[in-house]
Amino acid sequence: MLIHGRDDRVVSFETSLYLLANVPNSRLVLLNRCGHWAMIEHPEEFNCLVGDFIANA
């Protein structure tokens, strides 16, 4: 599971796309109005995404 903030200045979106293309069974979620710290900037959404991913793995 890849969670990428649209406003991330640390990791480029292209890097997340590369990982998505090269990690088998991966999934990418892009969060709007979010920088590098998705788990801090959007904790409820982040926890929901991770919880759903683990439950359905």
PDB file of N, CA and C in Angstrom:
ATOM      1  N   MET A   1       0.840  -1.166   0.000  1.00  0.00           N
ATOM      2  CA  MET A   1       0.000   0.000   0.000  1.00  0.00           C
ATOM      3  C   MET A   1       0.884   1.228   0.000  1.00  0.00           C
ATOM      4  N   LEU A   2       0.639   2.092  -0.944  1.00  0.00           N
ATOM      5  CA  LEU A   2       1.366   3.356  -1.054  1.00  0.00           C
ATOM      6  C   LEU A   2       0.371   4.489  -0.806  1.00  0.00           C
ATOM      7  N   ILE A   3       0.694   5.350   0.114  1.00  0.00           N
ATOM      8  CA  ILE A   3      -0.136   6.528   0.377  1.00  0.00           C
ATOM      9  C   ILE A   3       0.748   7.730   0.109  1.00  0.00           C
ATOM     10  N   HIS A   4       0.318   8.548  -0.843  1.00  0.00           N
ATOM     11  CA  HIS A   4       1.140   9.679  -1.273  1.00  0.00           C
ATOM     12  C   HIS A   4       0.353  10.975  -1.122  1.00  0.00           C
ATOM     13  N   GLY A   5       0.975  11.980  -0.512  1.00  0.00           N
ATOM     14  CA  GLY A   5       0.369  13.302  -0.411  1.00  0.00           C
ATOM     15  C   GLY A   5       0.637  14.101  -1.675  1.00  0.00           C
ATOM     16  N   ARG A   6      -0.407  14.690  -2.226  1.00  0.00           N
ATOM     17  CA  ARG A   6      -0.270  15.444  -3.472  1.00  0.00           C
ATOM     18  C   ARG A   6       0.758  16.577  -3.354  1.00  0.00           C
ATOM     19  N   ASP A   7       0.900  17.142  -2.162  1.00  0.00           N
ATOM     20  CA  ASP A   7       1.821  18.264  -1.953  1.00  0.00           C
ATOM     21  C   ASP A   7       3.162  17.830  -1.351  1.00  0.00           C
ATOM     22  N   ASP A   8       3.474  16.543  -1.431  1.00  0.00           N
ATOM     23  CA  ASP A   8       4.719  16.014  -0.868  1.00  0.00           C
ATOM     24  C   ASP A   8       5.920  16.615  -1.601  1.00  0.00           C
ATOM     25  N   ARG A   9       6.824  17.239  -0.843  1.00  0.00           N
ATOM     26  CA  ARG A   9       8.042  17.824  -1.421  1.00  0.00           C
ATOM     27  C   ARG A   9       9.260  16.949  -1.152  1.00  0.00           C
ATOM     28  N   VAL A  10       9.069  15.833  -0.445  1.00  0.00           N
ATOM     29  CA  VAL A  10      10.182  14.948  -0.102  1.00  0.00           C
ATOM     30  C   VAL A  10      10.287  13.805  -1.108  1.00  0.00           C
ATOM     31  N   VAL A  11       9.147  13.162  -1.385  1.00  0.00           N
ATOM     32  CA  VAL A  11       9.095  12.041  -2.330  1.00  0.00           C
ATOM     33  C   VAL A  11       8.228  12.468  -3.507  1.00  0.00           C
ATOM     34  N   SER A  12       8.750  12.359  -4.710  1.00  0.00           N
ATOM     35  CA  SER A  12       7.990  12.778  -5.894  1.00  0.00           C
ATOM     36  C   SER A  12       6.869  11.786  -6.202  1.00  0.00           C
ATOM     37  N   PHE A  13       5.836  12.278  -6.844  1.00  0.00           N
ATOM     38  CA  PHE A  13       4.729  11.420  -7.248  1.00  0.00           C
ATOM     39  C   PHE A  13       5.221  10.362  -8.234  1.00  0.00           C
ATOM     40  N   GLU A  14       6.194  10.716  -9.049  1.00  0.00           N
ATOM     41  CA  GLU A  14       6.762   9.762 -10.002  1.00  0.00           C
ATOM     42  C   GLU A  14       7.381   8.567  -9.290  1.00  0.00           C
ATOM     43  N   THR A  15       7.961   8.800  -8.121  1.00  0.00           N
ATOM     44  CA  THR A  15       8.530   7.700  -7.335  1.00  0.00           C
ATOM     45  C   THR A  15       7.435   6.745  -6.893  1.00  0.00           C
ATOM     46  N   SER A  16       6.318   7.286  -6.447  1.00  0.00           N
ATOM     47  CA  SER A  16       5.191   6.427  -6.049  1.00  0.00           C
ATOM     48  C   SER A  16       4.646   5.661  -7.251  1.00  0.00           C
ATOM     49  N   LEU A  17       4.594   6.314  -8.408  1.00  0.00           N
ATOM     50  CA  LEU A  17       4.129   5.616  -9.617  1.00  0.00           C
ATOM     51  C   LEU A  17       5.093   4.500 -10.006  1.00  0.00           C
ATOM     52  N   TYR A  18       6.392   4.744  -9.848  1.00  0.00           N
ATOM     53  CA  TYR A  18       7.391   3.717 -10.131  1.00  0.00           C
ATOM     54  C   TYR A  18       7.188   2.509  -9.204  1.00  0.00           C
ATOM     55  N   LEU A  19       7.011   2.782  -7.915  1.00  0.00           N
ATOM     56  CA  LEU A  19       6.785   1.693  -6.966  1.00  0.00           C
ATOM     57  C   LEU A  19       5.510   0.934  -7.294  1.00  0.00           C
ATOM     58  N   LEU A  20       4.461   1.657  -7.640  1.00  0.00           N
ATOM     59  CA  LEU A  20       3.198   1.022  -8.007  1.00  0.00           C
ATOM     60  C   LEU A  20       3.384   0.064  -9.184  1.00  0.00           C
ATOM     61  N   ALA A  21       4.169   0.476 -10.153  1.00  0.00           N
ATOM     62  CA  ALA A  21       4.395  -0.343 -11.340  1.00  0.00           C
ATOM     63  C   ALA A  21       5.308  -1.532 -11.069  1.00  0.00           C
ATOM     64  N   ASN A  22       6.128  -1.445 -10.034  1.00  0.00           N
ATOM     65  CA  ASN A  22       7.148  -2.471  -9.816  1.00  0.00           C
ATOM     66  C   ASN A  22       6.972  -3.325  -8.563  1.00  0.00           C
ATOM     67  N   VAL A  23       6.019  -3.004  -7.728  1.00  0.00           N
ATOM     68  CA  VAL A  23       5.743  -3.819  -6.545  1.00  0.00           C
ATOM     69  C   VAL A  23       4.462  -4.602  -6.818  1.00  0.00           C
ATOM     70  N   PRO A  24       4.569  -5.918  -6.886  1.00  0.00           N
ATOM     71  CA  PRO A  24       3.386  -6.735  -7.185  1.00  0.00           C
ATOM     72  C   PRO A  24       2.255  -6.507  -6.176  1.00  0.00           C
ATOM     73  N   ASN A  25       1.050  -6.484  -6.684  1.00  0.00           N
ATOM     74  CA  ASN A  25      -0.171  -6.341  -5.867  1.00  0.00           C
ATOM     75  C   ASN A  25      -0.195  -5.069  -5.029  1.00  0.00           C
ATOM     76  N   SER A  26       0.490  -4.029  -5.502  1.00  0.00           N
ATOM     77  CA  SER A  26       0.494  -2.772  -4.752  1.00  0.00           C
ATOM     78  C   SER A  26      -0.723  -1.936  -5.114  1.00  0.00           C
ATOM     79  N   ARG A  27      -0.994  -0.989  -4.255  1.00  0.00           N
ATOM     80  CA  ARG A  27      -2.121  -0.072  -4.438  1.00  0.00           C
ATOM     81  C   ARG A  27      -1.634   1.314  -4.040  1.00  0.00           C
ATOM     82  N   LEU A  28      -2.029   2.334  -4.810  1.00  0.00           N
ATOM     83  CA  LEU A  28      -1.620   3.710  -4.540  1.00  0.00           C
ATOM     84  C   LEU A  28      -2.840   4.570  -4.258  1.00  0.00           C
ATOM     85  N   VAL A  29      -2.761   5.326  -3.171  1.00  0.00           N
ATOM     86  CA  VAL A  29      -3.806   6.298  -2.826  1.00  0.00           C
ATOM     87  C   VAL A  29      -3.145   7.666  -2.781  1.00  0.00           C
ATOM     88  N   LEU A  30      -3.709   8.623  -3.494  1.00  0.00           N
ATOM     89  CA  LEU A  30      -3.208   9.992  -3.516  1.00  0.00           C
ATOM     90  C   LEU A  30      -4.123  10.864  -2.665  1.00  0.00           C
ATOM     91  N   LEU A  31      -3.554  11.515  -1.663  1.00  0.00           N
ATOM     92  CA  LEU A  31      -4.335  12.369  -0.771  1.00  0.00           C
ATOM     93  C   LEU A  31      -4.152  13.834  -1.142  1.00  0.00           C
ATOM     94  N   ASN A  32      -5.258  14.532  -1.339  1.00  0.00           N
ATOM     95  CA  ASN A  32      -5.227  15.966  -1.624  1.00  0.00           C
ATOM     96  C   ASN A  32      -4.919  16.751  -0.363  1.00  0.00           C
ATOM     97  N   ARG A  33      -4.392  17.960  -0.528  1.00  0.00           N
ATOM     98  CA  ARG A  33      -4.043  18.848   0.593  1.00  0.00           C
ATOM     99  C   ARG A  33      -3.237  18.108   1.651  1.00  0.00           C
ATOM    100  N   CYS A  34      -2.211  17.390   1.178  1.00  0.00           N
ATOM    101  CA  CYS A  34      -1.395  16.585   2.072  1.00  0.00           C
ATOM    102  C   CYS A  34       0.054  16.614   1.603  1.00  0.00           C
ATOM    103  N   GLY A  35       0.953  16.781   2.554  1.00  0.00           N
ATOM    104  CA  GLY A  35       2.379  16.754   2.243  1.00  0.00           C
ATOM    105  C   GLY A  35       2.971  15.380   2.497  1.00  0.00           C
ATOM    106  N   HIS A  36       4.147  15.354   3.112  1.00  0.00           N
ATOM    107  CA  HIS A  36       4.882  14.107   3.311  1.00  0.00           C
ATOM    108  C   HIS A  36       4.375  13.286   4.496  1.00  0.00           C
ATOM    109  N   TRP A  37       3.712  13.905   5.440  1.00  0.00           N
ATOM    110  CA  TRP A  37       3.317  13.226   6.676  1.00  0.00           C
ATOM    111  C   TRP A  37       1.830  12.905   6.691  1.00  0.00           C
ATOM    112  N   ALA A  38       1.400  12.042   5.814  1.00  0.00           N
ATOM    113  CA  ALA A  38      -0.020  11.683   5.690  1.00  0.00           C
ATOM    114  C   ALA A  38      -0.604  11.184   7.006  1.00  0.00           C
ATOM    115  N   MET A  39       0.173  10.415   7.751  1.00  0.00           N
ATOM    116  CA  MET A  39      -0.326   9.850   8.996  1.00  0.00           C
ATOM    117  C   MET A  39      -0.570  10.901  10.065  1.00  0.00           C
ATOM    118  N   ILE A  40       0.070  12.057   9.919  1.00  0.00           N
ATOM    119  CA  ILE A  40      -0.118  13.155  10.862  1.00  0.00           C
ATOM    120  C   ILE A  40      -1.125  14.169  10.318  1.00  0.00           C
ATOM    121  N   GLU A  41      -1.046  14.446   9.023  1.00  0.00           N
ATOM    122  CA  GLU A  41      -1.904  15.452   8.407  1.00  0.00           C
ATOM    123  C   GLU A  41      -3.346  14.972   8.226  1.00  0.00           C
ATOM    124  N   HIS A  42      -3.519  13.675   8.005  1.00  0.00           N
ATOM    125  CA  HIS A  42      -4.848  13.086   7.794  1.00  0.00           C
ATOM    126  C   HIS A  42      -4.943  11.755   8.548  1.00  0.00           C
ATOM    127  N   PRO A  43      -4.837  11.791   9.887  1.00  0.00           N
ATOM    128  CA  PRO A  43      -4.742  10.541  10.648  1.00  0.00           C
ATOM    129  C   PRO A  43      -5.949   9.610  10.512  1.00  0.00           C
ATOM    130  N   GLU A  44      -7.154  10.149  10.509  1.00  0.00           N
ATOM    131  CA  GLU A  44      -8.337   9.282  10.420  1.00  0.00           C
ATOM    132  C   GLU A  44      -8.399   8.576   9.071  1.00  0.00           C
ATOM    133  N   GLU A  45      -8.184   9.314   7.996  1.00  0.00           N
ATOM    134  CA  GLU A  45      -8.212   8.711   6.664  1.00  0.00           C
ATOM    135  C   GLU A  45      -7.064   7.712   6.497  1.00  0.00           C
ATOM    136  N   PHE A  46      -5.888   8.077   6.990  1.00  0.00           N
ATOM    137  CA  PHE A  46      -4.726   7.200   6.910  1.00  0.00           C
ATOM    138  C   PHE A  46      -4.999   5.880   7.629  1.00  0.00           C
ATOM    139  N   ASN A  47      -5.503   5.961   8.864  1.00  0.00           N
ATOM    140  CA  ASN A  47      -5.776   4.758   9.636  1.00  0.00           C
ATOM    141  C   ASN A  47      -6.847   3.896   8.983  1.00  0.00           C
ATOM    142  N   CYS A  48      -7.856   4.522   8.417  1.00  0.00           N
ATOM    143  CA  CYS A  48      -8.902   3.780   7.695  1.00  0.00           C
ATOM    144  C   CYS A  48      -8.318   3.047   6.490  1.00  0.00           C
ATOM    145  N   LEU A  49      -7.509   3.740   5.707  1.00  0.00           N
ATOM    146  CA  LEU A  49      -6.895   3.131   4.529  1.00  0.00           C
ATOM    147  C   LEU A  49      -6.021   1.944   4.898  1.00  0.00           C
ATOM    148  N   VAL A  50      -5.187   2.114   5.912  1.00  0.00           N
ATOM    149  CA  VAL A  50      -4.301   1.041   6.328  1.00  0.00           C
ATOM    150  C   VAL A  50      -5.099  -0.120   6.919  1.00  0.00           C
ATOM    151  N   GLY A  51      -6.094   0.186   7.741  1.00  0.00           N
ATOM    152  CA  GLY A  51      -6.939  -0.854   8.327  1.00  0.00           C
ATOM    153  C   GLY A  51      -7.655  -1.671   7.255  1.00  0.00           C
ATOM    154  N   ASP A  52      -8.231  -0.993   6.269  1.00  0.00           N
ATOM    155  CA  ASP A  52      -8.917  -1.682   5.168  1.00  0.00           C
ATOM    156  C   ASP A  52      -7.946  -2.531   4.357  1.00  0.00           C
ATOM    157  N   PHE A  53      -6.759  -2.005   4.123  1.00  0.00           N
ATOM    158  CA  PHE A  53      -5.765  -2.738   3.354  1.00  0.00           C
ATOM    159  C   PHE A  53      -5.364  -4.021   4.065  1.00  0.00           C
ATOM    160  N   ILE A  54      -5.112  -3.915   5.374  1.00  0.00           N
ATOM    161  CA  ILE A  54      -4.722  -5.092   6.140  1.00  0.00           C
ATOM    162  C   ILE A  54      -5.872  -6.100   6.226  1.00  0.00           C
ATOM    163  N   ALA A  55      -7.075  -5.615   6.433  1.00  0.00           N
ATOM    164  CA  ALA A  55      -8.234  -6.512   6.540  1.00  0.00           C
ATOM    165  C   ALA A  55      -8.499  -7.274   5.251  1.00  0.00           C
ATOM    166  N   ASN A  56      -8.147  -6.673   4.136  1.00  0.00           N
ATOM    167  CA  ASN A  56      -8.422  -7.306   2.842  1.00  0.00           C
ATOM    168  C   ASN A  56      -7.190  -7.920   2.196  1.00  0.00           C
ATOM    169  N   ALA A  57      -6.100  -8.000   2.947  1.00  0.00           N
ATOM    170  CA  ALA A  57      -4.860  -8.565   2.390  1.00  0.00           C
ATOM    171  C   ALA A  57      -4.905 -10.080   2.338  1.00  0.00           C
TER     172      ALA A  57
END
